[in-house]
Amino acid sequence: MTSKERMLRALHLGKPDRLPATIHQWQQYHLDTYVGGMDALAAFKHCGLDASIQYFEAMGQFWIPDAQKYLVSTPEWREEVEIMQDDPNDKLINHMITTPGGQLTYKTGSNRTTTWITEYLIKADEDIELIRKYMPVPTLDPKPIAKLHDKIGDKGILRGFVWGDQAGCWQHACCLMDATELIMRTFDQPDWVHALLKILLEKKQRFIEGMKGVKFDLVETGGGASSSTLISHNIHKDFCLPYDRELHHALHDLGFLVTYHTCGGTLGIEELIVANGADATETLAPPSIGGNQEPWELKRKLAGRMAMIGGMDQHNTLTSGSAEQIKSQVRRLFKEVGAEGGYILSCADHFFETLPEKLQIYAQAARECAY
């Protein structure tokens, strides 16, 4: 089977020829530092992995490298960027947004590996009205996506996001306001929280309408803020599930497969993840890197109702572990998570200092896990 066939078979809950093995988004820092600046597709081939390429442009993620060049401004939402500190190891950017109804600001910090929010956009209750009235929704250009899809060919799959700082409505809201404050408002001002989530849902639905005919093999929704390491079962049920369902219905209507991202915090919300209608759940981070149950524990609870992506500890095993530890963990994940199919072995999140030789050991071990 080709890599594309192998991964799509697993996403449809089937058994491919052998265990598919990939990573969760190749980071530019790693490509530049460890594999001579080759692109992600070439790096997958170099390491012997099944390619899973993420398309970022026009998706609105603040955390991607050089995100400011993808910002969307309109006459009613004019976003200006001021670089306050230009050190690549400690960069600080001020974002100033001017609308007919007033101004909004937020700040981001970054280094060579990642970006984070240092000041949130929502500072007053009425700010969500400016978001509702004026925040633009970008339009996808299908041509570069089709070109990339064709370039990948049978070497793997092309993944996309739903627009927004994070793909899910709750998760996006946690990028506009401090998560702790948002959690407290679910108790003190639930109607206000739902109003914000409905604003984001409507914008994401408009973005999805523009995805018709786009060549994505898999679309990611959700985000780590829906994890049960951050929020309770009841908050997930009331403030994630209804909005996730709407997004997944819209994506399925256009024929897309959907993967729901919770990082590793799935304990206690397993049935809610199934109920949201996604085709796959990721990234199955084990407790060794901050998750709250082992991938095989989640597997037993899902009972073949969803495909699973992830499970490999990219730090303690893949980066720091010995060759035998890597091989042993691959074999265990195959036996205890992937034995019945419906599983793509993947790193549970980003890595930055992993030697290519370790990735090649990881890939070879997966190739030996035949069905």
Protein backbone atom coordinates (compact mmCIF):
# COMPACT_ATOMS: atom_id res chain seq x y z
CA MET A 1 0.00 0.00 0.00
CA THR A 2 1.05 3.61 -0.45
CA SER A 3 1.36 5.90 2.55
CA LYS A 4 -1.84 7.69 1.55
CA GLU A 5 -3.77 4.43 1.21
CA ARG A 6 -2.34 3.17 4.49
CA MET A 7 -3.37 6.25 6.47
CA LEU A 8 -6.80 6.59 4.89
CA ARG A 9 -7.49 2.91 5.55
CA ALA A 10 -6.70 3.47 9.23
CA LEU A 11 -8.87 6.61 9.37
CA HIS A 12 -11.76 4.51 8.07
CA LEU A 13 -11.18 2.05 10.95
CA GLY A 14 -9.61 -0.56 8.70
CA LYS A 15 -6.39 -2.56 8.80
CA PRO A 16 -3.72 -1.41 6.35
CA ASP A 17 -0.73 -3.52 5.31
CA ARG A 18 1.28 -2.36 8.32
CA LEU A 19 1.17 0.23 11.08
CA PRO A 20 1.11 3.79 9.67
CA ALA A 21 3.66 6.01 11.43
CA THR A 22 3.97 9.78 11.25
CA ILE A 23 4.51 12.87 13.42
CA HIS A 24 2.30 15.71 14.62
CA GLN A 25 3.35 18.66 12.43
CA TRP A 26 6.97 19.08 11.44
CA GLN A 27 8.36 22.24 13.01
CA GLN A 28 10.48 24.64 10.95
CA TYR A 29 13.04 24.89 13.76
CA HIS A 30 13.68 21.14 13.53
CA LEU A 31 13.80 21.16 9.74
CA ASP A 32 16.35 23.97 9.77
CA THR A 33 18.43 22.63 12.66
CA TYR A 34 18.51 18.89 12.08
CA VAL A 35 17.72 18.07 8.43
CA GLY A 36 19.43 20.85 6.54
CA GLY A 37 16.36 22.99 5.89
CA MET A 38 14.59 20.45 3.69
CA ASP A 39 10.81 20.81 3.49
CA ALA A 40 8.46 18.61 5.51
CA LEU A 41 7.67 16.23 2.65
CA ALA A 42 11.35 15.59 2.00
CA ALA A 43 11.95 15.13 5.74
CA PHE A 44 9.24 12.46 5.93
CA LYS A 45 10.92 10.61 3.07
CA HIS A 46 14.37 11.02 4.65
CA CYS A 47 13.16 9.49 7.90
CA GLY A 48 11.02 6.79 6.29
CA LEU A 49 7.73 8.01 7.76
CA ASP A 50 4.25 8.31 6.27
CA ALA A 51 3.78 11.97 5.41
CA SER A 52 1.15 14.01 7.21
CA ILE A 53 1.49 17.57 5.90
CA GLN A 54 -0.32 20.44 7.61
CA TYR A 55 -1.58 23.39 5.54
CA PHE A 56 -1.42 26.62 7.56
CA GLU A 57 -1.97 29.58 5.22
CA ALA A 58 -5.21 31.55 5.77
CA MET A 59 -6.10 29.36 8.76
CA GLY A 60 -5.62 32.15 11.33
CA GLN A 61 -3.38 30.29 13.79
CA PHE A 62 -1.42 32.91 15.75
CA TRP A 63 1.18 30.35 16.82
CA ILE A 64 2.58 29.32 13.43
CA PRO A 65 5.94 30.75 12.26
CA ASP A 66 5.60 34.22 10.69
CA ALA A 67 1.89 34.20 11.46
CA GLN A 68 1.68 37.97 10.99
CA LYS A 69 2.10 37.64 7.23
CA TYR A 70 -1.21 35.74 7.08
CA LEU A 71 -3.21 38.34 9.04
CA VAL A 72 -6.42 39.45 7.36
CA SER A 73 -7.32 43.13 7.47
CA THR A 74 -10.38 44.85 6.06
CA PRO A 75 -11.57 48.47 6.14
CA GLU A 76 -13.59 47.56 9.26
CA TRP A 77 -10.89 45.43 10.94
CA ARG A 78 -7.51 47.07 10.38
CA GLU A 79 -4.79 45.12 12.14
CA GLU A 80 -1.39 46.77 12.53
CA VAL A 81 1.66 45.02 13.91
CA GLU A 82 4.36 46.70 15.97
CA ILE A 83 7.50 44.71 16.70
CA MET A 84 8.38 45.79 20.21
CA GLN A 85 11.33 43.43 20.60
CA ASP A 86 13.03 41.85 17.59
CA ASP A 87 15.26 39.24 19.23
CA PRO A 88 14.46 35.90 17.50
CA ASN A 89 14.98 34.16 20.85
CA ASP A 90 12.63 36.53 22.66
CA LYS A 91 10.40 38.40 20.24
CA LEU A 92 7.48 40.56 21.37
CA ILE A 93 4.78 41.82 18.98
CA ASN A 94 1.95 44.26 19.70
CA HIS A 95 -1.20 43.90 17.60
CA MET A 96 -3.50 46.91 17.29
CA ILE A 97 -6.92 46.45 15.70
CA THR A 98 -9.05 49.42 14.66
CA THR A 99 -12.78 48.98 14.01
CA PRO A 100 -15.64 51.46 13.54
CA GLY A 101 -16.76 50.60 17.07
CA GLY A 102 -13.42 50.95 18.85
CA GLN A 103 -9.96 49.49 19.25
CA LEU A 104 -8.72 46.11 20.39
CA THR A 105 -5.18 45.04 21.23
CA TYR A 106 -3.30 41.85 21.98
CA LYS A 107 0.35 40.86 22.29
CA THR A 108 2.31 37.74 21.40
CA GLY A 109 5.74 36.54 22.42
CA SER A 110 7.85 34.05 20.51
CA ASN A 111 11.20 32.34 20.21
CA ARG A 112 12.72 30.10 17.55
CA THR A 113 10.42 27.21 18.41
CA THR A 114 7.00 28.56 19.37
CA THR A 115 4.65 31.53 19.95
CA TRP A 116 2.46 32.39 22.92
CA ILE A 117 -0.04 35.06 23.95
CA THR A 118 1.15 37.63 26.49
CA GLU A 119 -1.92 39.88 26.43
CA TYR A 120 -5.42 38.70 25.52
CA LEU A 121 -7.67 40.48 23.05
CA ILE A 122 -10.90 40.48 25.09
CA LYS A 123 -10.62 42.94 27.96
CA ALA A 124 -14.27 43.98 28.45
CA ASP A 125 -17.59 42.20 28.00
CA GLU A 126 -18.62 44.42 25.12
CA ASP A 127 -15.49 43.53 23.13
CA ILE A 128 -17.23 40.44 21.80
CA GLU A 129 -19.59 42.71 19.88
CA LEU A 130 -16.63 44.14 17.99
CA ILE A 131 -15.59 40.57 17.19
CA ARG A 132 -19.12 39.73 16.03
CA LYS A 133 -19.52 42.77 13.83
CA TYR A 134 -16.08 43.24 12.36
CA MET A 135 -13.68 40.28 12.73
CA PRO A 136 -13.11 39.04 9.16
CA VAL A 137 -13.25 35.43 8.05
CA PRO A 138 -10.59 34.62 5.44
CA THR A 139 -11.37 32.81 2.21
CA LEU A 140 -9.34 29.78 1.21
CA ASP A 141 -7.70 29.79 -2.20
CA PRO A 142 -8.08 26.18 -3.40
CA LYS A 143 -5.31 26.41 -6.03
CA PRO A 144 -2.21 26.25 -3.77
CA ILE A 145 -3.92 23.56 -1.70
CA ALA A 146 -4.56 21.46 -4.80
CA LYS A 147 -0.95 22.00 -5.90
CA LEU A 148 0.36 20.81 -2.53
CA HIS A 149 -2.07 17.87 -2.48
CA ASP A 150 -0.82 16.79 -5.88
CA LYS A 151 2.81 17.21 -4.78
CA ILE A 152 2.21 14.93 -1.80
CA GLY A 153 0.49 12.40 -4.05
CA ASP A 154 0.61 8.88 -2.64
CA LYS A 155 3.34 9.78 -0.12
CA GLY A 156 0.81 10.73 2.56
CA ILE A 157 -2.11 12.95 3.46
CA LEU A 158 -2.78 16.70 3.50
CA ARG A 159 -4.35 18.09 6.66
CA GLY A 160 -6.20 21.36 7.17
CA PHE A 161 -7.68 23.32 10.07
CA VAL A 162 -10.90 25.14 10.65
CA TRP A 163 -10.01 28.84 10.76
CA GLY A 164 -9.20 30.53 14.07
CA ASP A 165 -6.44 30.76 16.67
CA GLN A 166 -7.59 27.26 17.53
CA ALA A 167 -10.01 25.22 15.44
CA GLY A 168 -12.68 24.59 18.09
CA CYS A 169 -14.93 27.36 19.38
CA TRP A 170 -14.11 26.90 23.09
CA GLN A 171 -10.43 26.52 22.28
CA HIS A 172 -10.46 29.67 20.12
CA ALA A 173 -12.16 31.56 22.96
CA CYS A 174 -9.31 30.49 25.28
CA CYS A 175 -6.92 32.33 22.93
CA LEU A 176 -9.01 35.51 23.17
CA MET A 177 -9.35 35.44 26.97
CA ASP A 178 -7.39 33.84 29.78
CA ALA A 179 -8.64 30.25 30.17
CA THR A 180 -9.03 30.51 33.94
CA GLU A 181 -11.22 33.58 33.58
CA LEU A 182 -13.28 31.91 30.86
CA ILE A 183 -13.78 28.84 33.06
CA MET A 184 -15.00 31.04 35.94
CA ARG A 185 -17.42 32.78 33.59
CA THR A 186 -19.05 29.44 32.72
CA PHE A 187 -20.37 29.59 36.29
CA ASP A 188 -20.84 33.33 36.72
CA GLN A 189 -21.84 34.45 33.21
CA PRO A 190 -22.74 31.34 31.18
CA ASP A 191 -24.93 33.29 28.76
CA TRP A 192 -22.04 35.61 27.93
CA VAL A 193 -19.75 32.63 27.28
CA HIS A 194 -22.35 31.03 25.00
CA ALA A 195 -22.75 34.34 23.16
CA LEU A 196 -19.00 34.41 22.47
CA LEU A 197 -18.98 30.76 21.37
CA LYS A 198 -21.93 31.34 19.03
CA ILE A 199 -20.11 34.28 17.43
CA LEU A 200 -17.08 32.10 16.78
CA LEU A 201 -19.24 29.20 15.58
CA GLU A 202 -20.97 31.38 12.99
CA LYS A 203 -17.62 32.61 11.66
CA LYS A 204 -16.17 29.10 11.52
CA GLN A 205 -19.26 27.86 9.68
CA ARG A 206 -18.76 30.60 7.11
CA PHE A 207 -15.16 29.51 6.70
CA ILE A 208 -16.24 25.88 6.25
CA GLU A 209 -18.69 26.92 3.53
CA GLY A 210 -15.68 28.21 1.62
CA MET A 211 -13.90 24.86 1.94
CA LYS A 212 -16.15 23.14 -0.60
CA GLY A 213 -14.02 21.25 -3.10
CA VAL A 214 -10.76 21.92 -1.22
CA LYS A 215 -8.39 18.94 -1.33
CA PHE A 216 -7.86 18.15 2.33
CA ASP A 217 -7.64 14.49 3.30
CA LEU A 218 -8.26 15.29 6.97
CA VAL A 219 -9.43 18.41 8.84
CA GLU A 220 -8.43 19.11 12.44
CA THR A 221 -10.81 20.63 14.96
CA GLY A 222 -10.72 21.03 18.73
CA GLY A 223 -7.55 21.99 20.56
CA GLY A 224 -5.83 21.38 23.86
CA ALA A 225 -8.15 23.67 25.84
CA SER A 226 -10.92 21.06 25.53
CA SER A 227 -8.74 18.55 27.38
CA SER A 228 -9.90 17.13 30.68
CA THR A 229 -6.55 18.19 32.10
CA LEU A 230 -7.96 21.74 31.88
CA ILE A 231 -11.77 21.58 32.04
CA SER A 232 -14.34 19.34 33.67
CA HIS A 233 -16.69 16.86 32.06
CA ASN A 234 -19.62 19.24 32.56
CA ILE A 235 -17.86 22.25 31.03
CA HIS A 236 -16.87 20.12 28.04
CA LYS A 237 -20.43 18.84 27.70
CA ASP A 238 -22.02 22.29 27.85
CA PHE A 239 -19.43 24.52 26.20
CA CYS A 240 -17.54 22.26 23.77
CA LEU A 241 -19.81 19.43 22.62
CA PRO A 242 -22.72 21.44 21.10
CA TYR A 243 -20.38 23.62 19.04
CA ASP A 244 -18.08 20.75 18.04
CA ARG A 245 -21.08 18.84 16.69
CA GLU A 246 -22.12 21.75 14.49
CA LEU A 247 -18.64 22.10 13.03
CA HIS A 248 -18.34 18.37 12.39
CA HIS A 249 -21.76 18.20 10.73
CA ALA A 250 -20.75 21.02 8.39
CA LEU A 251 -17.42 19.36 7.54
CA HIS A 252 -19.03 15.97 6.97
CA ASP A 253 -21.61 17.58 4.68
CA LEU A 254 -18.70 18.58 2.45
CA GLY A 255 -17.18 15.09 2.59
CA PHE A 256 -14.24 15.77 4.93
CA LEU A 257 -12.83 13.38 7.50
CA VAL A 258 -12.44 15.07 10.90
CA THR A 259 -9.90 14.55 13.67
CA TYR A 260 -10.62 16.04 17.11
CA HIS A 261 -7.60 17.33 19.03
CA THR A 262 -7.48 17.17 22.82
CA CYS A 263 -3.73 16.63 23.32
CA GLY A 264 -3.79 13.91 25.98
CA GLY A 265 -6.54 14.88 28.41
CA THR A 266 -9.32 12.44 27.57
CA LEU A 267 -10.05 10.80 30.93
CA GLY A 268 -13.70 11.30 31.85
CA ILE A 269 -14.75 12.83 28.52
CA GLU A 270 -14.39 9.76 26.30
CA GLU A 271 -18.10 9.50 25.53
CA LEU A 272 -18.33 13.22 24.80
CA ILE A 273 -15.53 12.90 22.25
CA VAL A 274 -17.39 10.04 20.58
CA ALA A 275 -20.63 12.04 20.69
CA ASN A 276 -19.17 15.02 18.84
CA GLY A 277 -19.13 12.98 15.65
CA ALA A 278 -15.46 13.23 14.71
CA ASP A 279 -13.86 10.39 12.78
CA ALA A 280 -10.64 10.32 14.80
CA THR A 281 -9.27 11.46 18.15
CA GLU A 282 -5.74 12.77 18.77
CA THR A 283 -3.04 13.13 20.06
CA LEU A 284 -3.26 10.52 22.85
CA ALA A 285 -0.45 12.06 24.91
CA PRO A 286 0.44 9.57 27.67
CA PRO A 287 0.85 10.60 31.33
CA SER A 288 4.63 10.76 30.85
CA ILE A 289 4.15 14.01 28.89
CA GLY A 290 1.07 15.46 30.57
CA GLY A 291 -1.85 13.32 29.43
CA ASN A 292 -4.15 11.65 31.92
CA GLN A 293 -4.48 8.11 30.58
CA GLU A 294 -2.44 5.74 28.48
CA PRO A 295 -3.41 5.36 24.81
CA TRP A 296 -4.35 1.71 25.31
CA GLU A 297 -6.69 2.67 28.17
CA LEU A 298 -8.53 5.06 25.84
CA LYS A 299 -8.54 2.39 23.13
CA ARG A 300 -10.44 -0.03 25.36
CA LYS A 301 -13.08 2.61 26.08
CA LEU A 302 -13.55 3.66 22.46
CA ALA A 303 -14.10 0.05 21.36
CA GLY A 304 -13.44 0.77 17.69
CA ARG A 305 -15.91 3.66 17.40
CA MET A 306 -13.27 6.20 16.32
CA ALA A 307 -9.89 6.09 14.66
CA MET A 308 -6.96 7.07 16.88
CA ILE A 309 -3.87 9.15 16.05
CA GLY A 310 -0.85 9.64 18.31
CA GLY A 311 0.43 7.94 21.43
CA MET A 312 4.22 8.22 21.09
CA ASP A 313 6.00 10.19 23.83
CA GLN A 314 8.14 12.42 21.65
CA HIS A 315 10.36 13.59 24.52
CA ASN A 316 11.06 10.81 27.02
CA THR A 317 11.01 8.02 24.43
CA LEU A 318 11.68 9.38 20.96
CA THR A 319 14.15 12.15 21.84
CA SER A 320 15.81 10.82 25.01
CA GLY A 321 15.17 7.08 24.80
CA SER A 322 17.46 4.39 23.50
CA ALA A 323 16.89 2.58 20.21
CA GLU A 324 15.49 -0.40 22.07
CA GLN A 325 13.13 1.79 24.11
CA ILE A 326 11.80 3.36 20.91
CA LYS A 327 11.29 -0.04 19.25
CA SER A 328 9.66 -1.47 22.38
CA GLN A 329 7.19 1.39 22.64
CA VAL A 330 6.27 1.15 18.96
CA ARG A 331 5.60 -2.58 19.37
CA ARG A 332 3.50 -1.98 22.49
CA LEU A 333 1.41 0.74 20.84
CA PHE A 334 0.86 -1.53 17.84
CA LYS A 335 -0.18 -4.46 20.02
CA GLU A 336 -2.32 -2.59 22.55
CA VAL A 337 -3.76 0.25 20.44
CA GLY A 338 -3.41 -0.70 16.80
CA ALA A 339 -3.92 -4.46 16.69
CA GLU A 340 -7.48 -4.13 15.39
CA GLY A 341 -6.68 -1.37 12.91
CA GLY A 342 -8.05 2.15 12.96
CA TYR A 343 -4.78 3.54 14.32
CA ILE A 344 -2.09 5.90 13.05
CA LEU A 345 1.00 5.91 15.24
CA SER A 346 2.18 9.49 15.71
CA CYS A 347 4.11 11.67 18.09
CA ALA A 348 1.75 13.08 20.68
CA ASP A 349 2.92 16.65 20.01
CA HIS A 350 5.81 18.69 18.66
CA PHE A 351 9.48 17.85 19.07
CA PHE A 352 12.43 20.16 18.55
CA GLU A 353 15.67 18.37 19.45
CA THR A 354 15.05 14.84 18.15
CA LEU A 355 17.88 13.36 16.10
CA PRO A 356 16.85 12.16 12.62
CA GLU A 357 18.45 8.81 13.45
CA LYS A 358 15.88 8.35 16.23
CA LEU A 359 13.07 9.10 13.79
CA GLN A 360 14.47 6.53 11.38
CA ILE A 361 14.52 3.91 14.16
CA TYR A 362 10.91 4.83 14.97
CA ALA A 363 9.91 4.50 11.30
CA GLN A 364 11.68 1.18 10.83
CA ALA A 365 10.04 -0.28 13.95
CA ALA A 366 6.62 0.68 12.57
CA ARG A 367 7.39 -0.91 9.20
CA GLU A 368 7.98 -4.18 11.02
CA CYS A 369 4.47 -4.06 12.58
CA ALA A 370 2.56 -5.83 9.83
CA TYR A 371 -1.13 -6.81 9.91
